Protein backbone atom coordinates (compact mmCIF):
# COMPACT_ATOMS: atom_id res chain seq x y z
CA MET A 1 91.70 153.76 68.78
CA GLU A 2 89.72 152.20 65.64
CA LYS A 3 91.00 154.26 62.49
CA GLU A 4 88.30 156.33 60.87
CA TYR A 5 89.31 155.55 57.07
CA ILE A 6 90.58 152.41 55.33
CA HIS A 7 94.13 152.95 53.90
CA ILE A 8 94.47 151.79 50.55
CA ILE A 9 97.66 151.83 47.91
CA LEU A 10 97.65 151.37 44.20
CA ALA A 11 100.77 151.10 42.32
CA ASP A 12 100.04 151.35 39.09
CA ASP A 13 102.48 152.93 35.97
CA ASP A 14 99.21 154.12 33.83
CA GLU A 15 98.31 157.71 34.92
CA ASP A 16 94.99 157.23 33.65
CA ASP A 17 94.41 153.96 35.46
CA ARG A 18 95.54 155.86 38.58
CA LEU A 19 93.24 158.66 38.03
CA PHE A 20 90.20 156.54 37.33
CA PHE A 21 91.25 154.44 40.72
CA THR A 22 91.45 157.70 43.22
CA ASP A 23 88.03 159.17 41.22
CA ALA A 24 85.89 155.55 42.01
CA PHE A 25 87.58 155.68 45.66
CA SER A 26 85.93 159.57 45.78
CA GLU A 27 82.75 158.47 44.84
CA LEU A 28 82.02 155.74 46.97
CA LYS A 29 80.39 155.93 50.28
CA ILE A 30 83.28 154.78 52.08
CA SER A 31 86.15 156.28 54.28
CA THR A 32 89.64 155.82 52.38
CA LYS A 33 92.88 157.46 52.34
CA VAL A 34 94.18 156.52 48.70
CA GLN A 35 97.79 156.97 48.16
CA THR A 36 99.32 155.88 44.67
CA PHE A 37 102.77 154.92 42.94
CA ASN A 38 103.83 154.89 40.11
CA ASP A 39 106.01 151.48 39.87
CA GLY A 40 107.08 149.07 41.99
CA VAL A 41 110.48 150.65 43.40
CA GLU A 42 108.53 153.62 44.61
CA LEU A 43 106.52 151.54 46.10
CA MET A 44 108.80 149.39 48.13
CA ASP A 45 110.57 152.55 48.98
CA TYR A 46 107.70 153.94 50.61
CA LEU A 47 106.70 150.87 52.64
CA ASN A 48 110.43 150.09 53.54
CA GLN A 49 110.37 153.52 55.47
CA GLU A 50 110.54 153.08 59.19
CA ASP A 51 107.32 155.58 59.45
CA ALA A 52 105.26 154.18 56.49
CA ILE A 53 101.80 153.74 57.32
CA LEU A 54 100.82 150.40 56.02
CA PRO A 55 97.62 150.00 53.64
CA GLU A 56 94.74 147.93 54.69
CA VAL A 57 94.47 146.93 50.89
CA LEU A 58 97.02 147.05 48.18
CA PHE A 59 96.19 147.12 44.82
CA LEU A 60 99.63 145.88 42.50
CA ASP A 61 99.60 146.30 38.58
CA LEU A 62 101.61 143.37 37.26
CA ASN A 63 103.07 145.09 34.30
CA MET A 64 105.32 148.05 35.79
CA PRO A 65 108.87 149.43 34.94
CA ARG A 66 111.73 148.99 37.03
CA LYS A 67 109.93 146.55 39.46
CA ASN A 68 106.85 144.99 38.35
CA GLY A 69 103.79 143.67 40.80
CA LEU A 70 105.23 140.12 41.01
CA GLU A 71 108.41 140.98 41.97
CA ALA A 72 107.08 143.79 44.23
CA LEU A 73 104.55 140.64 45.56
CA HIS A 74 107.53 138.47 46.44
CA GLU A 75 109.40 141.35 48.31
CA ILE A 76 106.40 141.99 50.19
CA LYS A 77 105.74 138.29 50.89
CA SER A 78 108.89 137.93 52.29
CA ASN A 79 108.89 140.55 55.29
CA PRO A 80 106.61 139.67 58.09
CA LYS A 81 106.04 143.55 58.80
CA PHE A 82 103.58 143.47 55.59
CA ASP A 83 101.71 140.13 56.72
CA ASN A 84 98.54 142.23 57.59
CA ILE A 85 98.49 143.98 53.90
CA ALA A 86 95.60 142.55 51.61
CA ILE A 87 96.94 142.07 48.17
CA ALA A 88 94.57 142.64 45.00
CA ILE A 89 96.51 142.23 42.02
CA TYR A 90 95.11 144.59 39.67
CA SER A 91 95.56 144.29 35.57
CA THR A 92 94.84 144.25 32.23
CA SER A 93 95.99 140.86 32.09
CA SER A 94 93.50 137.65 32.64
CA SER A 95 96.29 135.03 31.33
CA GLU A 96 95.81 131.80 33.39
CA GLU A 97 99.51 131.58 33.94
CA HIS A 98 99.40 135.17 35.65
CA ILE A 99 96.33 134.43 37.73
CA GLU A 100 98.28 131.04 38.99
CA GLU A 101 101.55 132.69 39.31
CA THR A 102 100.09 135.59 41.72
CA PHE A 103 97.57 133.00 43.84
CA VAL A 104 100.93 130.81 44.41
CA SER A 105 102.91 134.02 45.30
CA GLY A 106 100.55 134.70 47.96
CA ALA A 107 98.15 137.60 46.57
CA ASN A 108 94.72 137.51 47.94
CA ILE A 109 92.49 138.46 45.20
CA TYR A 110 92.95 138.69 41.62
CA ILE A 111 91.06 141.60 39.53
CA LYS A 112 90.85 142.24 35.86
CA LYS A 113 90.94 146.04 34.97
CA PRO A 114 87.29 147.13 34.48
CA SER A 115 86.73 149.22 31.51
CA ASP A 116 83.83 150.94 32.90
CA PHE A 117 83.99 153.40 35.66
CA ASN A 118 81.02 152.14 37.49
CA THR A 119 82.02 148.50 37.40
CA LEU A 120 85.39 149.74 38.64
CA LYS A 121 83.44 151.58 41.62
CA LYS A 122 81.65 148.29 42.25
CA VAL A 123 84.86 146.35 42.14
CA LEU A 124 86.96 148.52 44.44
CA SER A 125 83.47 148.93 46.92
CA ASP A 126 83.66 145.03 46.82
CA VAL A 127 87.45 144.63 47.41
CA VAL A 128 87.58 147.17 50.16
CA THR A 129 84.44 145.77 52.07
CA ILE A 130 85.56 142.03 52.18
CA ASN A 131 86.14 140.87 55.38
CA TRP A 132 89.41 140.22 54.79
CA GLN A 133 90.47 137.48 57.81
CA TYR A 134 87.40 135.33 56.96
CA HIS A 135 87.94 135.71 53.22
CA THR A 136 91.26 134.53 53.45
CA SER A 137 91.22 131.83 55.81
CA GLY A 138 90.13 129.23 53.44
CA LEU A 139 91.56 130.81 50.30
CA ASN A 140 91.33 128.59 47.35
CA LYS A 141 91.96 129.36 43.57
CA ASP A 142 87.92 129.73 43.08
CA ASN A 143 87.21 133.08 44.86
CA PHE A 144 90.72 134.49 44.09
CA LEU A 145 89.60 135.63 40.81
CA LEU A 146 87.05 138.78 40.95
CA ARG A 147 84.52 137.97 38.43
CA MET A 148 82.20 140.76 37.41
């Protein structure tokens, strides 16, 4: 049975960013279910539940208290249960070091948080409609950073 929606999760400690994110998805013509978590600890507590509904796409902020995005990424990548989750790093940082580190750690795409709502909608639409199996089959650093 095909799912009627794309399950999206965002882990981000910034309440405004979570609100913009969910508002952007509510305006897109894509059937999604969006869940948000305040940090990596909340996220991993949810994902590790026996009956957790795993997302198709997980957006991870890098700079969060308690457990940051990189720590959560390492934990996710070390568990085969999560192999089918596409991971988008969603950060205000565009540091080469962060981009390199998350690429090497197994994230699927790196997005610098847009400051404008319409750009955010375009970015989220693009990420959710990517055919991830095709996109990640020839993953290289050139298509890792989503530039807008």
